[in-house]
């Protein structure tokens, strides 16, 4: 099982129709499985990209 390293949570808001009805909506973070030094971890795509950029 992969270890979750990120602390990101969904961004919650409302969807609005033309009649201004509000329904709850969540934008979930882009969680990816990434292998670092043989360990599989769960990171957001942005965090994985940053780690990859720093490694070079």
N, C-alpha and C. Protein backbone atom coordinates (compact mmCIF):
# COMPACT_ATOMS: atom_id res chain seq x y z
N UNK A 1 0.84 -1.18 0.00
CA UNK A 1 0.00 0.00 0.00
C UNK A 1 0.88 1.24 0.00
N UNK A 2 0.48 2.21 -0.74
CA UNK A 2 1.25 3.44 -0.86
C UNK A 2 1.01 4.33 0.36
N UNK A 3 2.06 5.05 0.75
CA UNK A 3 1.98 5.97 1.87
C UNK A 3 1.55 7.34 1.37
N UNK A 4 0.59 7.95 2.05
CA UNK A 4 0.11 9.26 1.63
C UNK A 4 0.98 10.33 2.28
N UNK A 5 1.68 11.12 1.46
CA UNK A 5 2.54 12.17 1.97
C UNK A 5 1.91 13.55 1.87
N UNK A 6 0.98 13.71 0.98
CA UNK A 6 0.40 15.03 0.77
C UNK A 6 -0.68 15.32 1.80
N UNK A 7 -0.85 16.60 2.11
CA UNK A 7 -1.89 17.01 3.05
C UNK A 7 -3.01 17.75 2.33
N UNK A 8 -2.99 17.71 1.00
CA UNK A 8 -4.00 18.44 0.22
C UNK A 8 -5.36 17.80 0.40
N UNK A 9 -6.38 18.64 0.46
CA UNK A 9 -7.77 18.19 0.58
C UNK A 9 -8.58 18.82 -0.54
N UNK A 10 -9.76 18.29 -0.81
CA UNK A 10 -10.58 18.86 -1.87
C UNK A 10 -10.97 20.32 -1.60
N UNK A 11 -11.01 21.10 -2.66
CA UNK A 11 -11.49 22.47 -2.60
C UNK A 11 -13.00 22.42 -2.78
N UNK A 12 -13.76 22.89 -1.80
CA UNK A 12 -15.21 22.74 -1.81
C UNK A 12 -15.87 24.08 -2.10
N UNK A 13 -16.87 24.03 -2.95
CA UNK A 13 -17.63 25.23 -3.28
C UNK A 13 -19.00 24.83 -3.78
N UNK A 14 -19.66 25.74 -4.45
CA UNK A 14 -20.99 25.48 -4.99
C UNK A 14 -20.99 25.60 -6.50
N UNK A 15 -21.76 24.74 -7.15
CA UNK A 15 -22.07 24.92 -8.56
C UNK A 15 -23.31 25.80 -8.60
N UNK A 16 -23.36 26.72 -9.54
CA UNK A 16 -24.51 27.61 -9.66
C UNK A 16 -25.15 27.45 -11.02
N UNK A 17 -26.44 27.18 -11.03
CA UNK A 17 -27.19 27.09 -12.28
C UNK A 17 -27.63 28.50 -12.69
N UNK A 18 -28.26 28.61 -13.85
CA UNK A 18 -28.78 29.91 -14.28
C UNK A 18 -29.87 30.41 -13.34
N UNK A 19 -30.56 29.46 -12.68
CA UNK A 19 -31.60 29.84 -11.71
C UNK A 19 -31.00 30.10 -10.33
N UNK A 20 -29.66 30.11 -10.26
CA UNK A 20 -28.91 30.35 -9.02
C UNK A 20 -29.13 29.28 -7.96
N UNK A 21 -29.49 28.06 -8.38
CA UNK A 21 -29.54 26.95 -7.44
C UNK A 21 -28.10 26.58 -7.08
N UNK A 22 -27.87 26.28 -5.81
CA UNK A 22 -26.53 25.94 -5.35
C UNK A 22 -26.48 24.46 -5.00
N UNK A 23 -25.54 23.74 -5.59
CA UNK A 23 -25.29 22.35 -5.22
C UNK A 23 -23.81 22.22 -4.88
N UNK A 24 -23.51 21.45 -3.83
CA UNK A 24 -22.13 21.30 -3.39
C UNK A 24 -21.28 20.64 -4.47
N UNK A 25 -20.03 21.08 -4.56
CA UNK A 25 -19.11 20.57 -5.56
C UNK A 25 -17.72 20.56 -4.96
N UNK A 26 -16.95 19.51 -5.23
CA UNK A 26 -15.57 19.42 -4.73
C UNK A 26 -14.61 19.24 -5.89
N UNK A 27 -13.54 20.04 -5.89
CA UNK A 27 -12.45 19.85 -6.85
C UNK A 27 -11.37 19.07 -6.13
N UNK A 28 -11.18 17.82 -6.52
CA UNK A 28 -10.25 16.94 -5.82
C UNK A 28 -8.83 17.14 -6.35
N UNK A 29 -7.81 16.99 -5.47
CA UNK A 29 -6.43 17.12 -5.93
C UNK A 29 -6.05 15.95 -6.82
N UNK A 30 -5.09 16.19 -7.72
CA UNK A 30 -4.64 15.18 -8.67
C UNK A 30 -3.62 14.28 -7.98
N UNK A 31 -4.09 13.25 -7.27
CA UNK A 31 -3.23 12.34 -6.51
C UNK A 31 -2.68 11.25 -7.43
N UNK A 32 -1.37 11.06 -7.38
CA UNK A 32 -0.69 10.07 -8.23
C UNK A 32 0.18 9.17 -7.36
N UNK A 33 0.38 7.93 -7.79
CA UNK A 33 1.33 7.03 -7.15
C UNK A 33 2.70 7.28 -7.77
N UNK A 34 3.68 7.58 -6.94
CA UNK A 34 5.03 7.87 -7.41
C UNK A 34 5.99 7.00 -6.62
N UNK A 35 6.97 6.42 -7.29
CA UNK A 35 7.98 5.61 -6.62
C UNK A 35 9.21 6.46 -6.37
N UNK A 36 9.59 6.59 -5.10
CA UNK A 36 10.77 7.35 -4.71
C UNK A 36 11.66 6.43 -3.90
N UNK A 37 12.86 6.16 -4.41
CA UNK A 37 13.83 5.28 -3.74
C UNK A 37 13.23 3.92 -3.39
N UNK A 38 12.42 3.36 -4.27
CA UNK A 38 11.82 2.06 -4.06
C UNK A 38 10.55 2.07 -3.22
N UNK A 39 10.15 3.21 -2.70
CA UNK A 39 8.93 3.31 -1.89
C UNK A 39 7.84 3.99 -2.72
N UNK A 40 6.65 3.41 -2.72
CA UNK A 40 5.54 4.00 -3.43
C UNK A 40 4.80 4.94 -2.49
N UNK A 41 4.65 6.19 -2.93
CA UNK A 41 3.97 7.20 -2.13
C UNK A 41 2.89 7.87 -2.96
N UNK A 42 1.93 8.47 -2.28
CA UNK A 42 0.87 9.21 -2.95
C UNK A 42 1.18 10.70 -2.84
N UNK A 43 1.34 11.35 -3.98
CA UNK A 43 1.63 12.77 -4.05
C UNK A 43 0.71 13.41 -5.06
N UNK A 44 0.55 14.71 -4.97
CA UNK A 44 -0.16 15.40 -6.04
C UNK A 44 0.78 15.51 -7.23
N UNK A 45 0.22 15.71 -8.39
CA UNK A 45 1.02 15.82 -9.61
C UNK A 45 1.98 17.00 -9.50
N UNK A 46 1.55 18.08 -8.90
CA UNK A 46 2.41 19.25 -8.75
C UNK A 46 3.60 18.95 -7.84
N UNK A 47 3.36 18.23 -6.73
CA UNK A 47 4.45 17.88 -5.81
C UNK A 47 5.44 16.92 -6.47
N UNK A 48 4.93 15.96 -7.25
CA UNK A 48 5.80 15.04 -7.96
C UNK A 48 6.65 15.77 -8.98
N UNK A 49 6.05 16.73 -9.66
CA UNK A 49 6.77 17.53 -10.65
C UNK A 49 7.88 18.35 -9.99
N UNK A 50 7.57 18.93 -8.82
CA UNK A 50 8.57 19.71 -8.09
C UNK A 50 9.72 18.83 -7.63
N UNK A 51 9.41 17.64 -7.11
CA UNK A 51 10.47 16.72 -6.68
C UNK A 51 11.34 16.31 -7.86
N UNK A 52 10.72 16.06 -8.99
CA UNK A 52 11.45 15.66 -10.19
C UNK A 52 12.35 16.81 -10.66
N UNK A 53 11.86 18.02 -10.57
CA UNK A 53 12.62 19.19 -10.99
C UNK A 53 13.81 19.42 -10.06
N UNK A 54 13.61 19.23 -8.74
CA UNK A 54 14.69 19.42 -7.77
C UNK A 54 15.75 18.35 -7.87
N UNK A 55 15.36 17.15 -8.34
CA UNK A 55 16.31 16.03 -8.44
C UNK A 55 17.32 16.24 -9.56
N UNK A 56 16.97 17.05 -10.54
CA UNK A 56 17.87 17.25 -11.67
C UNK A 56 18.94 18.27 -11.38
